[in-house]
Amino acid sequence: MNVNMIRKVCRPFRIVLGLALISYGVYSGNAWFYLGVVPLIAGLVNFCPLCKITGQCEII
């Protein structure tokens, strides 16, 4: 699988995951789920901290 395909799938996945975690945090009252802001921001600004650390993804 090439890097372009991974980037096209990864960004919306991070946004949806972040919104889902935050929504569940509001629903359950558990503040730990507010950490969903990390993947949400990563998806919105198109920056993956894990890719930066591991060097697995190329910046396109």
PDB file of N, CA and C in Angstrom:
ATOM      1  N   MET A   1       0.856  -1.174   0.000  1.00  0.00           N
ATOM      2  CA  MET A   1       0.000   0.000   0.000  1.00  0.00           C
ATOM      3  C   MET A   1       0.899   1.234   0.000  1.00  0.00           C
ATOM      4  N   ASN A   2       0.651   2.166  -0.900  1.00  0.00           N
ATOM      5  CA  ASN A   2       1.533   3.325  -0.956  1.00  0.00           C
ATOM      6  C   ASN A   2       1.161   4.374   0.085  1.00  0.00           C
ATOM      7  N   VAL A   3       2.048   5.316   0.282  1.00  0.00           N
ATOM      8  CA  VAL A   3       1.891   6.326   1.322  1.00  0.00           C
ATOM      9  C   VAL A   3       0.701   7.228   1.044  1.00  0.00           C
ATOM     10  N   ASN A   4       0.433   7.542  -0.225  1.00  0.00           N
ATOM     11  CA  ASN A   4      -0.704   8.406  -0.549  1.00  0.00           C
ATOM     12  C   ASN A   4      -2.015   7.791  -0.087  1.00  0.00           C
ATOM     13  N   MET A   5      -2.177   6.501  -0.281  1.00  0.00           N
ATOM     14  CA  MET A   5      -3.403   5.825   0.131  1.00  0.00           C
ATOM     15  C   MET A   5      -3.539   5.825   1.646  1.00  0.00           C
ATOM     16  N   ILE A   6      -2.462   5.598   2.341  1.00  0.00           N
ATOM     17  CA  ILE A   6      -2.490   5.611   3.807  1.00  0.00           C
ATOM     18  C   ILE A   6      -2.886   6.996   4.311  1.00  0.00           C
ATOM     19  N   ARG A   7      -2.322   8.049   3.727  1.00  0.00           N
ATOM     20  CA  ARG A   7      -2.632   9.408   4.145  1.00  0.00           C
ATOM     21  C   ARG A   7      -4.091   9.758   3.888  1.00  0.00           C
ATOM     22  N   LYS A   8      -4.657   9.288   2.771  1.00  0.00           N
ATOM     23  CA  LYS A   8      -6.051   9.594   2.452  1.00  0.00           C
ATOM     24  C   LYS A   8      -7.001   8.931   3.435  1.00  0.00           C
ATOM     25  N   VAL A   9      -6.653   7.775   3.932  1.00  0.00           N
ATOM     26  CA  VAL A   9      -7.503   7.046   4.868  1.00  0.00           C
ATOM     27  C   VAL A   9      -7.247   7.506   6.303  1.00  0.00           C
ATOM     28  N   CYS A  10      -6.018   7.801   6.621  1.00  0.00           N
ATOM     29  CA  CYS A  10      -5.627   8.087   7.998  1.00  0.00           C
ATOM     30  C   CYS A  10      -6.197   9.408   8.519  1.00  0.00           C
ATOM     31  N   ARG A  11      -6.184  10.437   7.712  1.00  0.00           N
ATOM     32  CA  ARG A  11      -6.635  11.751   8.176  1.00  0.00           C
ATOM     33  C   ARG A  11      -8.108  11.750   8.597  1.00  0.00           C
ATOM     34  N   PRO A  12      -9.046  11.288   7.747  1.00  0.00           N
ATOM     35  CA  PRO A  12     -10.449  11.263   8.190  1.00  0.00           C
ATOM     36  C   PRO A  12     -10.668  10.313   9.367  1.00  0.00           C
ATOM     37  N   PHE A  13      -9.897   9.224   9.413  1.00  0.00           N
ATOM     38  CA  PHE A  13     -10.026   8.286  10.526  1.00  0.00           C
ATOM     39  C   PHE A  13      -9.665   8.966  11.837  1.00  0.00           C
ATOM     40  N   ARG A  14      -8.579   9.759  11.840  1.00  0.00           N
ATOM     41  CA  ARG A  14      -8.180  10.465  13.056  1.00  0.00           C
ATOM     42  C   ARG A  14      -9.237  11.472  13.488  1.00  0.00           C
ATOM     43  N   ILE A  15      -9.836  12.169  12.533  1.00  0.00           N
ATOM     44  CA  ILE A  15     -10.860  13.164  12.858  1.00  0.00           C
ATOM     45  C   ILE A  15     -12.082  12.481  13.468  1.00  0.00           C
ATOM     46  N   VAL A  16     -12.548  11.409  12.848  1.00  0.00           N
ATOM     47  CA  VAL A  16     -13.716  10.683  13.354  1.00  0.00           C
ATOM     48  C   VAL A  16     -13.419  10.063  14.716  1.00  0.00           C
ATOM     49  N   LEU A  17     -12.241   9.487  14.871  1.00  0.00           N
ATOM     50  CA  LEU A  17     -11.864   8.887  16.150  1.00  0.00           C
ATOM     51  C   LEU A  17     -11.827   9.943  17.253  1.00  0.00           C
ATOM     52  N   GLY A  18     -11.249  11.093  16.965  1.00  0.00           N
ATOM     53  CA  GLY A  18     -11.186  12.167  17.954  1.00  0.00           C
ATOM     54  C   GLY A  18     -12.567  12.641  18.365  1.00  0.00           C
ATOM     55  N   LEU A  19     -13.437  12.850  17.392  1.00  0.00           N
ATOM     56  CA  LEU A  19     -14.805  13.289  17.700  1.00  0.00           C
ATOM     57  C   LEU A  19     -15.566  12.234  18.489  1.00  0.00           C
ATOM     58  N   ALA A  20     -15.359  10.965  18.141  1.00  0.00           N
ATOM     59  CA  ALA A  20     -16.036   9.887  18.860  1.00  0.00           C
ATOM     60  C   ALA A  20     -15.572   9.803  20.315  1.00  0.00           C
ATOM     61  N   LEU A  21     -14.277   9.929  20.537  1.00  0.00           N
ATOM     62  CA  LEU A  21     -13.759   9.878  21.912  1.00  0.00           C
ATOM     63  C   LEU A  21     -14.261  11.048  22.748  1.00  0.00           C
ATOM     64  N   ILE A  22     -14.247  12.232  22.174  1.00  0.00           N
ATOM     65  CA  ILE A  22     -14.736  13.414  22.898  1.00  0.00           C
ATOM     66  C   ILE A  22     -16.224  13.273  23.192  1.00  0.00           C
ATOM     67  N   SER A  23     -17.000  12.804  22.212  1.00  0.00           N
ATOM     68  CA  SER A  23     -18.441  12.628  22.406  1.00  0.00           C
ATOM     69  C   SER A  23     -18.729  11.617  23.514  1.00  0.00           C
ATOM     70  N   TYR A  24     -17.983  10.521  23.514  1.00  0.00           N
ATOM     71  CA  TYR A  24     -18.192   9.529  24.565  1.00  0.00           C
ATOM     72  C   TYR A  24     -17.778  10.084  25.928  1.00  0.00           C
ATOM     73  N   GLY A  25     -16.751  10.909  25.952  1.00  0.00           N
ATOM     74  CA  GLY A  25     -16.343  11.541  27.202  1.00  0.00           C
ATOM     75  C   GLY A  25     -17.423  12.442  27.765  1.00  0.00           C
ATOM     76  N   VAL A  26     -18.078  13.189  26.888  1.00  0.00           N
ATOM     77  CA  VAL A  26     -19.184  14.048  27.327  1.00  0.00           C
ATOM     78  C   VAL A  26     -20.347  13.184  27.809  1.00  0.00           C
ATOM     79  N   TYR A  27     -20.638  12.125  27.078  1.00  0.00           N
ATOM     80  CA  TYR A  27     -21.751  11.239  27.422  1.00  0.00           C
ATOM     81  C   TYR A  27     -21.521  10.520  28.749  1.00  0.00           C
ATOM     82  N   SER A  28     -20.317   9.980  28.943  1.00  0.00           N
ATOM     83  CA  SER A  28     -20.049   9.172  30.130  1.00  0.00           C
ATOM     84  C   SER A  28     -19.586   9.991  31.327  1.00  0.00           C
ATOM     85  N   GLY A  29     -19.099  11.200  31.074  1.00  0.00           N
ATOM     86  CA  GLY A  29     -18.582  12.016  32.165  1.00  0.00           C
ATOM     87  C   GLY A  29     -17.156  11.660  32.542  1.00  0.00           C
ATOM     88  N   ASN A  30     -16.528  10.803  31.790  1.00  0.00           N
ATOM     89  CA  ASN A  30     -15.155  10.390  32.057  1.00  0.00           C
ATOM     90  C   ASN A  30     -14.208  11.328  31.312  1.00  0.00           C
ATOM     91  N   ALA A  31     -13.434  12.095  32.057  1.00  0.00           N
ATOM     92  CA  ALA A  31     -12.577  13.122  31.460  1.00  0.00           C
ATOM     93  C   ALA A  31     -11.424  12.549  30.643  1.00  0.00           C
ATOM     94  N   TRP A  32     -11.078  11.283  30.842  1.00  0.00           N
ATOM     95  CA  TRP A  32      -9.976  10.686  30.081  1.00  0.00           C
ATOM     96  C   TRP A  32     -10.266  10.664  28.588  1.00  0.00           C
ATOM     97  N   PHE A  33     -11.529  10.592  28.226  1.00  0.00           N
ATOM     98  CA  PHE A  33     -11.878  10.536  26.811  1.00  0.00           C
ATOM     99  C   PHE A  33     -11.707  11.883  26.123  1.00  0.00           C
ATOM    100  N   TYR A  34     -11.491  12.946  26.897  1.00  0.00           N
ATOM    101  CA  TYR A  34     -11.226  14.255  26.290  1.00  0.00           C
ATOM    102  C   TYR A  34      -9.849  14.272  25.628  1.00  0.00           C
ATOM    103  N   LEU A  35      -9.049  13.245  25.866  1.00  0.00           N
ATOM    104  CA  LEU A  35      -7.776  13.128  25.155  1.00  0.00           C
ATOM    105  C   LEU A  35      -8.000  12.861  23.666  1.00  0.00           C
ATOM    106  N   GLY A  36      -9.237  12.660  23.276  1.00  0.00           N
ATOM    107  CA  GLY A  36      -9.579  12.532  21.867  1.00  0.00           C
ATOM    108  C   GLY A  36      -9.266  13.795  21.088  1.00  0.00           C
ATOM    109  N   VAL A  37      -8.972  14.873  21.794  1.00  0.00           N
ATOM    110  CA  VAL A  37      -8.590  16.118  21.130  1.00  0.00           C
ATOM    111  C   VAL A  37      -7.246  15.951  20.404  1.00  0.00           C
ATOM    112  N   VAL A  38      -6.404  15.028  20.858  1.00  0.00           N
ATOM    113  CA  VAL A  38      -5.099  14.807  20.220  1.00  0.00           C
ATOM    114  C   VAL A  38      -5.264  14.269  18.792  1.00  0.00           C
ATOM    115  N   PRO A  39      -5.998  13.157  18.582  1.00  0.00           N
ATOM    116  CA  PRO A  39      -6.170  12.727  17.194  1.00  0.00           C
ATOM    117  C   PRO A  39      -7.009  13.695  16.362  1.00  0.00           C
ATOM    118  N   LEU A  40      -7.932  14.415  17.012  1.00  0.00           N
ATOM    119  CA  LEU A  40      -8.742  15.393  16.289  1.00  0.00           C
ATOM    120  C   LEU A  40      -7.867  16.501  15.722  1.00  0.00           C
ATOM    121  N   ILE A  41      -7.009  17.068  16.544  1.00  0.00           N
ATOM    122  CA  ILE A  41      -6.115  18.132  16.077  1.00  0.00           C
ATOM    123  C   ILE A  41      -5.129  17.588  15.059  1.00  0.00           C
ATOM    124  N   ALA A  42      -4.624  16.382  15.291  1.00  0.00           N
ATOM    125  CA  ALA A  42      -3.689  15.767  14.336  1.00  0.00           C
ATOM    126  C   ALA A  42      -4.350  15.591  12.972  1.00  0.00           C
ATOM    127  N   GLY A  43      -5.617  15.232  12.952  1.00  0.00           N
ATOM    128  CA  GLY A  43      -6.328  15.076  11.692  1.00  0.00           C
ATOM    129  C   GLY A  43      -6.630  16.402  11.030  1.00  0.00           C
ATOM    130  N   LEU A  44      -6.963  17.404  11.823  1.00  0.00           N
ATOM    131  CA  LEU A  44      -7.311  18.706  11.256  1.00  0.00           C
ATOM    132  C   LEU A  44      -6.107  19.422  10.656  1.00  0.00           C
ATOM    133  N   VAL A  45      -4.959  19.303  11.297  1.00  0.00           N
ATOM    134  CA  VAL A  45      -3.767  19.989  10.785  1.00  0.00           C
ATOM    135  C   VAL A  45      -2.929  19.089   9.885  1.00  0.00           C
ATOM    136  N   ASN A  46      -3.383  17.843   9.692  1.00  0.00           N
ATOM    137  CA  ASN A  46      -2.703  16.866   8.834  1.00  0.00           C
ATOM    138  C   ASN A  46      -1.259  16.626   9.279  1.00  0.00           C
ATOM    139  N   PHE A  47      -1.095  16.406  10.563  1.00  0.00           N
ATOM    140  CA  PHE A  47       0.213  16.104  11.135  1.00  0.00           C
ATOM    141  C   PHE A  47       0.055  14.896  12.042  1.00  0.00           C
ATOM    142  N   CYS A  48       0.867  13.885  11.828  1.00  0.00           N
ATOM    143  CA  CYS A  48       0.799  12.673  12.635  1.00  0.00           C
ATOM    144  C   CYS A  48       2.053  12.581  13.503  1.00  0.00           C
ATOM    145  N   PRO A  49       1.922  12.784  14.816  1.00  0.00           N
ATOM    146  CA  PRO A  49       3.096  12.720  15.682  1.00  0.00           C
ATOM    147  C   PRO A  49       3.757  11.340  15.669  1.00  0.00           C
ATOM    148  N   LEU A  50       2.978  10.289  15.556  1.00  0.00           N
ATOM    149  CA  LEU A  50       3.540   8.942  15.537  1.00  0.00           C
ATOM    150  C   LEU A  50       4.377   8.714  14.283  1.00  0.00           C
ATOM    151  N   CYS A  51       3.925   9.233  13.154  1.00  0.00           N
ATOM    152  CA  CYS A  51       4.714   9.120  11.914  1.00  0.00           C
ATOM    153  C   CYS A  51       6.009   9.902  12.036  1.00  0.00           C
ATOM    154  N   LYS A  52       5.960  11.034  12.702  1.00  0.00           N
ATOM    155  CA  LYS A  52       7.156  11.854  12.888  1.00  0.00           C
ATOM    156  C   LYS A  52       8.170  11.127  13.776  1.00  0.00           C
ATOM    157  N   ILE A  53       7.704  10.476  14.819  1.00  0.00           N
ATOM    158  CA  ILE A  53       8.588   9.773  15.748  1.00  0.00           C
ATOM    159  C   ILE A  53       9.197   8.535  15.091  1.00  0.00           C
ATOM    160  N   THR A  54       8.365   7.755  14.404  1.00  0.00           N
ATOM    161  CA  THR A  54       8.848   6.498  13.842  1.00  0.00           C
ATOM    162  C   THR A  54       9.503   6.665  12.479  1.00  0.00           C
ATOM    163  N   GLY A  55       9.203   7.738  11.782  1.00  0.00           N
ATOM    164  CA  GLY A  55       9.770   7.952  10.452  1.00  0.00           C
ATOM    165  C   GLY A  55       9.193   7.025   9.410  1.00  0.00           C
ATOM    166  N   GLN A  56       8.009   6.454   9.672  1.00  0.00           N
ATOM    167  CA  GLN A  56       7.400   5.496   8.765  1.00  0.00           C
ATOM    168  C   GLN A  56       6.668   6.172   7.595  1.00  0.00           C
ATOM    169  N   CYS A  57       6.137   7.342   7.805  1.00  0.00           N
ATOM    170  CA  CYS A  57       5.364   8.029   6.766  1.00  0.00           C
ATOM    171  C   CYS A  57       6.188   9.158   6.161  1.00  0.00           C
ATOM    172  N   GLU A  58       5.934   9.414   4.919  1.00  0.00           N
ATOM    173  CA  GLU A  58       6.565  10.560   4.273  1.00  0.00           C
ATOM    174  C   GLU A  58       5.618  11.747   4.349  1.00  0.00           C
ATOM    175  N   ILE A  59       6.160  12.924   4.458  1.00  0.00           N
ATOM    176  CA  ILE A  59       5.331  14.135   4.413  1.00  0.00           C
ATOM    177  C   ILE A  59       5.046  14.424   2.956  1.00  0.00           C
ATOM    178  N   ILE A  60       3.765  14.524   2.645  1.00  0.00           N
ATOM    179  CA  ILE A  60       3.380  14.740   1.254  1.00  0.00           C
ATOM    180  C   ILE A  60       2.816  16.140   1.103  1.00  0.00           C
TER     181      ILE A  60
END
